[in-house]
Amino acid sequence: MSLVTSNSELLDRLIADMAADHASFVAIVEAMLSSSFDSVIMSDGYGFIQCWNERAAKLFGYEEEEVRTLVLTDLVPVRYRRRHSAAIADMNHEGSVSFDGKDFALGSACVSGLHKNGTEIPVNIRIGSYRAKSGAAHHVAFIQRAGERTYSGSD
């Protein structure tokens, strides 16, 4: 067996190994979501939340079953919702988005999130996008409360 030389090669091998095994794919995604130090939110191109991890639920104050009724704009303060909707449209069209001159795909940006109780939460966010075979856009956001310590490996 040869060594994997890049993330792309690793993903290609992983996808090939799981091509006929949907249950394995689901298990891997669930393992990544549950073990992430970040809050992770996955959405479709319309802003409907497809899934999120427990850290995201705690950060925004929602229960697991409530996720099915949420859209991303529910997590954004009202004064930013128009800009947020425009940013989603840009991501769907361009594949990336910038906010106040900061490209979310290249680095994290500090923005305000909205807790269920109405409290604003300063968060650092980084977003990745991909297109399904059907052409539909999907987005993945990695979020940390601003000022929260990231894992350094020395803990």
Protein backbone atom coordinates (compact mmCIF):
# COMPACT_ATOMS: atom_id res chain seq x y z
CA MET A 1 0.00 0.00 0.00
CA SER A 2 1.39 3.38 -0.98
CA LEU A 3 1.41 6.42 1.27
CA VAL A 4 -1.20 9.09 0.73
CA THR A 5 0.47 12.24 -0.51
CA SER A 6 -2.30 14.83 -0.33
CA ASN A 7 -5.67 15.57 1.22
CA SER A 8 -7.23 15.25 -2.22
CA GLU A 9 -5.73 11.79 -2.69
CA LEU A 10 -6.91 10.75 0.77
CA LEU A 11 -10.44 11.93 0.03
CA ASP A 12 -10.44 10.18 -3.36
CA ARG A 13 -9.45 6.90 -1.69
CA LEU A 14 -11.99 7.35 1.07
CA ILE A 15 -14.78 8.04 -1.41
CA ALA A 16 -13.77 5.09 -3.56
CA ASP A 17 -13.78 2.78 -0.52
CA MET A 18 -17.25 3.96 0.47
CA ALA A 19 -18.85 4.30 -2.97
CA ALA A 20 -21.14 1.33 -2.42
CA ASP A 21 -21.48 1.72 1.34
CA HIS A 22 -23.70 4.67 2.31
CA ALA A 23 -23.77 3.59 5.97
CA SER A 24 -19.96 3.90 6.21
CA PHE A 25 -20.08 7.38 4.70
CA VAL A 26 -22.73 8.49 7.18
CA ALA A 27 -20.71 7.01 10.07
CA ILE A 28 -17.57 8.88 9.00
CA VAL A 29 -19.40 12.20 8.70
CA GLU A 30 -21.01 11.67 12.11
CA ALA A 31 -17.60 10.86 13.62
CA MET A 32 -16.08 14.03 12.15
CA LEU A 33 -18.96 16.18 13.38
CA SER A 34 -18.98 14.73 16.89
CA SER A 35 -15.20 14.96 17.34
CA SER A 36 -14.72 18.46 15.96
CA PHE A 37 -13.50 21.18 18.32
CA ASP A 38 -15.51 23.63 16.20
CA SER A 39 -19.21 24.12 15.88
CA VAL A 40 -20.04 22.78 12.42
CA ILE A 41 -23.12 23.67 10.39
CA MET A 42 -23.89 22.18 6.98
CA SER A 43 -26.51 23.82 4.76
CA ASP A 44 -27.87 23.68 1.26
CA GLY A 45 -27.61 26.56 -1.19
CA TYR A 46 -30.94 27.98 -0.01
CA GLY A 47 -29.70 28.32 3.57
CA PHE A 48 -31.66 25.39 5.00
CA ILE A 49 -29.61 23.72 7.72
CA GLN A 50 -28.98 20.09 6.78
CA CYS A 51 -27.13 19.11 9.93
CA TRP A 52 -24.98 20.46 12.70
CA ASN A 53 -22.99 19.09 15.56
CA GLU A 54 -23.61 19.23 19.29
CA ARG A 55 -21.19 22.13 19.74
CA ALA A 56 -23.25 24.24 17.31
CA ALA A 57 -26.45 23.32 19.15
CA LYS A 58 -24.92 24.49 22.43
CA LEU A 59 -23.42 27.65 20.93
CA PHE A 60 -26.74 28.79 19.47
CA GLY A 61 -28.97 27.32 22.20
CA TYR A 62 -31.14 24.99 20.14
CA GLU A 63 -32.16 21.38 20.69
CA GLU A 64 -31.35 18.77 18.03
CA GLU A 65 -34.97 18.42 16.86
CA GLU A 66 -35.26 22.20 16.35
CA VAL A 67 -32.58 22.18 13.65
CA ARG A 68 -35.02 20.76 11.11
CA THR A 69 -37.01 23.99 11.23
CA LEU A 70 -34.11 26.45 11.04
CA VAL A 71 -32.49 28.34 8.20
CA LEU A 72 -29.10 30.01 8.49
CA THR A 73 -30.63 33.48 8.75
CA ASP A 74 -32.21 32.40 12.05
CA LEU A 75 -28.66 32.40 13.43
CA VAL A 76 -27.86 35.92 12.17
CA PRO A 77 -28.83 39.21 13.88
CA VAL A 78 -31.68 40.94 12.03
CA ARG A 79 -29.56 43.91 10.94
CA TYR A 80 -27.20 41.55 9.01
CA ARG A 81 -29.77 39.25 7.40
CA ARG A 82 -29.96 41.06 4.06
CA ARG A 83 -26.16 40.98 3.74
CA HIS A 84 -26.16 37.35 4.84
CA SER A 85 -28.71 36.37 2.17
CA ALA A 86 -26.64 38.20 -0.46
CA ALA A 87 -23.52 36.37 0.76
CA ILE A 88 -25.25 32.98 0.36
CA ALA A 89 -26.24 33.95 -3.18
CA ASP A 90 -22.61 34.94 -3.90
CA MET A 91 -21.36 31.63 -2.53
CA ASN A 92 -23.83 29.74 -4.69
CA HIS A 93 -22.71 31.64 -7.77
CA GLU A 94 -19.00 32.33 -7.14
CA GLY A 95 -18.10 29.54 -4.70
CA SER A 96 -16.69 31.99 -2.17
CA VAL A 97 -17.79 35.08 -0.32
CA SER A 98 -16.18 38.03 1.36
CA PHE A 99 -17.55 40.09 4.19
CA ASP A 100 -16.01 43.43 5.04
CA GLY A 101 -13.12 42.54 2.73
CA LYS A 102 -12.39 39.16 4.36
CA ASP A 103 -12.74 35.99 2.28
CA PHE A 104 -14.38 33.32 4.45
CA ALA A 105 -12.75 30.51 2.49
CA LEU A 106 -9.23 31.90 2.97
CA GLY A 107 -9.42 32.71 6.66
CA SER A 108 -11.84 33.15 9.46
CA ALA A 109 -13.74 36.35 10.02
CA CYS A 110 -15.28 37.61 13.23
CA VAL A 111 -19.02 38.19 12.84
CA SER A 112 -22.08 38.21 15.08
CA GLY A 113 -24.25 35.15 15.52
CA LEU A 114 -27.65 35.06 17.21
CA HIS A 115 -28.43 32.78 20.14
CA LYS A 116 -31.96 31.40 20.47
CA ASN A 117 -32.54 33.73 23.44
CA GLY A 118 -31.77 36.80 21.27
CA THR A 119 -28.28 37.42 22.61
CA GLU A 120 -25.64 38.24 20.02
CA ILE A 121 -22.60 35.99 20.01
CA PRO A 122 -19.26 37.13 18.55
CA VAL A 123 -17.97 34.20 16.48
CA ASN A 124 -15.10 33.38 14.18
CA ILE A 125 -16.31 31.57 11.08
CA ARG A 126 -14.74 29.87 8.10
CA ILE A 127 -16.88 28.55 5.24
CA GLY A 128 -16.30 25.94 2.57
CA SER A 129 -18.58 25.22 -0.39
CA TYR A 130 -19.06 22.34 -2.77
CA ARG A 131 -21.41 21.30 -5.55
CA ALA A 132 -23.18 17.97 -5.69
CA LYS A 133 -23.29 16.04 -8.96
CA SER A 134 -26.71 17.58 -9.52
CA GLY A 135 -25.10 21.03 -9.46
CA ALA A 136 -26.75 21.99 -6.18
CA ALA A 137 -24.62 24.16 -3.89
CA HIS A 138 -23.87 23.15 -0.31
CA HIS A 139 -21.92 24.97 2.39
CA VAL A 140 -20.06 23.95 5.54
CA ALA A 141 -19.31 26.50 8.27
CA PHE A 142 -16.73 25.95 11.00
CA ILE A 143 -17.45 28.26 13.90
CA GLN A 144 -15.85 29.15 17.22
CA ARG A 145 -16.98 31.67 19.78
CA ALA A 146 -14.62 34.64 19.42
CA GLY A 147 -11.89 34.45 22.01
CA GLU A 148 -12.42 30.72 22.59
CA ARG A 149 -9.16 28.83 22.88
CA THR A 150 -8.46 26.50 19.97
CA TYR A 151 -6.94 23.09 20.53
CA SER A 152 -3.17 23.32 20.36
CA GLY A 153 -2.31 19.67 20.85
CA SER A 154 -0.49 20.40 24.09
CA ASP A 155 -3.51 20.02 26.38
